[in-house]
């Protein structure tokens, strides 16, 4: 199982990731839908369904066929300043 340490995000299965505030911040400016879903406790399939119907809990950026999730929007939803 992948875990997060003080070094931040560790690549691997995002479902197994332990998401601390620092780990989320370490993602950078944007992340993918699967990672955002894991942070928010949403399953992968449900996350893509919500994205396609514009019901994902935070604003998404659509770039071609790809969805990007702004990390600051995730932090705001989690009430992290």
C-alpha atoms as a PDB file:
ATOM      1  CA  UNK A   1       0.000   0.000   0.000  1.00  0.00           C
ATOM      2  CA  UNK A   2       1.287   3.470  -0.902  1.00  0.00           C
ATOM      3  CA  UNK A   3       1.358   6.026   1.846  1.00  0.00           C
ATOM      4  CA  UNK A   4       2.122   9.689   2.114  1.00  0.00           C
ATOM      5  CA  UNK A   5       5.027  10.910   4.137  1.00  0.00           C
ATOM      6  CA  UNK A   6       6.440  14.363   4.643  1.00  0.00           C
ATOM      7  CA  UNK A   7       7.814  14.127   1.078  1.00  0.00           C
ATOM      8  CA  UNK A   8       4.222  14.335  -0.240  1.00  0.00           C
ATOM      9  CA  UNK A   9       2.532  12.503  -3.101  1.00  0.00           C
ATOM     10  CA  UNK A  10       3.742   9.015  -3.926  1.00  0.00           C
ATOM     11  CA  UNK A  11       2.780   7.606  -7.343  1.00  0.00           C
ATOM     12  CA  UNK A  12       0.797   4.401  -7.331  1.00  0.00           C
ATOM     13  CA  UNK A  13      -2.821   3.478  -6.878  1.00  0.00           C
ATOM     14  CA  UNK A  14      -4.549   6.688  -5.871  1.00  0.00           C
ATOM     15  CA  UNK A  15      -7.273   4.720  -4.095  1.00  0.00           C
ATOM     16  CA  UNK A  16      -4.649   3.445  -1.636  1.00  0.00           C
ATOM     17  CA  UNK A  17      -3.076   6.865  -1.110  1.00  0.00           C
ATOM     18  CA  UNK A  18      -3.342   8.482   2.314  1.00  0.00           C
ATOM     19  CA  UNK A  19      -4.320  12.068   1.488  1.00  0.00           C
ATOM     20  CA  UNK A  20      -3.034  14.673   3.892  1.00  0.00           C
ATOM     21  CA  UNK A  21      -3.373  18.399   3.269  1.00  0.00           C
ATOM     22  CA  UNK A  22       0.315  18.553   2.405  1.00  0.00           C
ATOM     23  CA  UNK A  23      -0.015  15.654  -0.044  1.00  0.00           C
ATOM     24  CA  UNK A  24      -2.878  17.415  -1.818  1.00  0.00           C
ATOM     25  CA  UNK A  25      -0.903  20.673  -1.986  1.00  0.00           C
ATOM     26  CA  UNK A  26       2.084  18.765  -3.385  1.00  0.00           C
ATOM     27  CA  UNK A  27       0.020  17.733  -6.427  1.00  0.00           C
ATOM     28  CA  UNK A  28       0.634  21.109  -8.042  1.00  0.00           C
ATOM     29  CA  UNK A  29      -1.886  23.316  -9.794  1.00  0.00           C
ATOM     30  CA  UNK A  30      -4.121  20.602 -11.281  1.00  0.00           C
ATOM     31  CA  UNK A  31      -4.692  16.883 -10.967  1.00  0.00           C
ATOM     32  CA  UNK A  32      -6.708  14.251 -12.802  1.00  0.00           C
ATOM     33  CA  UNK A  33     -10.274  13.194 -12.016  1.00  0.00           C
ATOM     34  CA  UNK A  34      -9.232   9.853 -10.553  1.00  0.00           C
ATOM     35  CA  UNK A  35      -6.875  11.492  -8.038  1.00  0.00           C
ATOM     36  CA  UNK A  36      -9.414  14.185  -7.122  1.00  0.00           C
ATOM     37  CA  UNK A  37     -12.054  11.497  -6.632  1.00  0.00           C
ATOM     38  CA  UNK A  38      -9.778   9.527  -4.303  1.00  0.00           C
ATOM     39  CA  UNK A  39      -9.126  12.657  -2.244  1.00  0.00           C
ATOM     40  CA  UNK A  40     -12.873  13.311  -1.979  1.00  0.00           C
ATOM     41  CA  UNK A  41     -13.808   9.682  -1.301  1.00  0.00           C
ATOM     42  CA  UNK A  42     -15.594   9.141  -4.617  1.00  0.00           C
ATOM     43  CA  UNK A  43     -15.133   6.015  -6.716  1.00  0.00           C
ATOM     44  CA  UNK A  44     -13.497   6.270 -10.142  1.00  0.00           C
ATOM     45  CA  UNK A  45     -16.563   5.283 -12.173  1.00  0.00           C
ATOM     46  CA  UNK A  46     -18.846   7.611 -10.226  1.00  0.00           C
ATOM     47  CA  UNK A  47     -16.334  10.456 -10.589  1.00  0.00           C
ATOM     48  CA  UNK A  48     -16.291  10.202 -14.379  1.00  0.00           C
ATOM     49  CA  UNK A  49     -20.078   9.991 -14.459  1.00  0.00           C
ATOM     50  CA  UNK A  50     -20.280  13.169 -12.338  1.00  0.00           C
ATOM     51  CA  UNK A  51     -17.713  14.866 -14.578  1.00  0.00           C
ATOM     52  CA  UNK A  52     -19.638  14.033 -17.751  1.00  0.00           C
ATOM     53  CA  UNK A  53     -22.880  15.402 -16.296  1.00  0.00           C
ATOM     54  CA  UNK A  54     -21.210  18.541 -14.834  1.00  0.00           C
ATOM     55  CA  UNK A  55     -22.029  17.388 -11.296  1.00  0.00           C
ATOM     56  CA  UNK A  56     -18.485  16.852  -9.983  1.00  0.00           C
ATOM     57  CA  UNK A  57     -18.166  18.561  -6.562  1.00  0.00           C
ATOM     58  CA  UNK A  58     -15.534  21.042  -7.823  1.00  0.00           C
ATOM     59  CA  UNK A  59     -14.984  22.919 -11.065  1.00  0.00           C
ATOM     60  CA  UNK A  60     -13.372  20.880 -13.836  1.00  0.00           C
ATOM     61  CA  UNK A  61     -11.326  22.024 -16.792  1.00  0.00           C
ATOM     62  CA  UNK A  62     -11.983  20.160 -20.028  1.00  0.00           C
ATOM     63  CA  UNK A  63      -8.936  19.992 -22.298  1.00  0.00           C
ATOM     64  CA  UNK A  64      -9.827  17.954 -25.370  1.00  0.00           C
ATOM     65  CA  UNK A  65     -11.041  14.618 -24.024  1.00  0.00           C
ATOM     66  CA  UNK A  66      -9.240  15.086 -20.729  1.00  0.00           C
ATOM     67  CA  UNK A  67     -10.575  16.489 -17.449  1.00  0.00           C
ATOM     68  CA  UNK A  68      -8.301  18.431 -15.113  1.00  0.00           C
ATOM     69  CA  UNK A  69      -9.223  19.384 -11.567  1.00  0.00           C
ATOM     70  CA  UNK A  70      -7.732  22.540 -10.011  1.00  0.00           C
ATOM     71  CA  UNK A  71      -6.080  21.612  -6.718  1.00  0.00           C
ATOM     72  CA  UNK A  72      -7.039  24.960  -5.080  1.00  0.00           C
ATOM     73  CA  UNK A  73     -10.713  24.086  -5.727  1.00  0.00           C
ATOM     74  CA  UNK A  74     -10.267  20.777  -3.895  1.00  0.00           C
ATOM     75  CA  UNK A  75      -8.596  22.535  -0.954  1.00  0.00           C
ATOM     76  CA  UNK A  76     -11.398  25.117  -0.862  1.00  0.00           C
ATOM     77  CA  UNK A  77     -14.048  22.371  -0.822  1.00  0.00           C
ATOM     78  CA  UNK A  78     -12.202  20.738   2.069  1.00  0.00           C
ATOM     79  CA  UNK A  79     -12.128  24.134   3.851  1.00  0.00           C
ATOM     80  CA  UNK A  80      -8.333  24.264   3.832  1.00  0.00           C
ATOM     81  CA  UNK A  81      -6.820  27.716   3.593  1.00  0.00           C
END
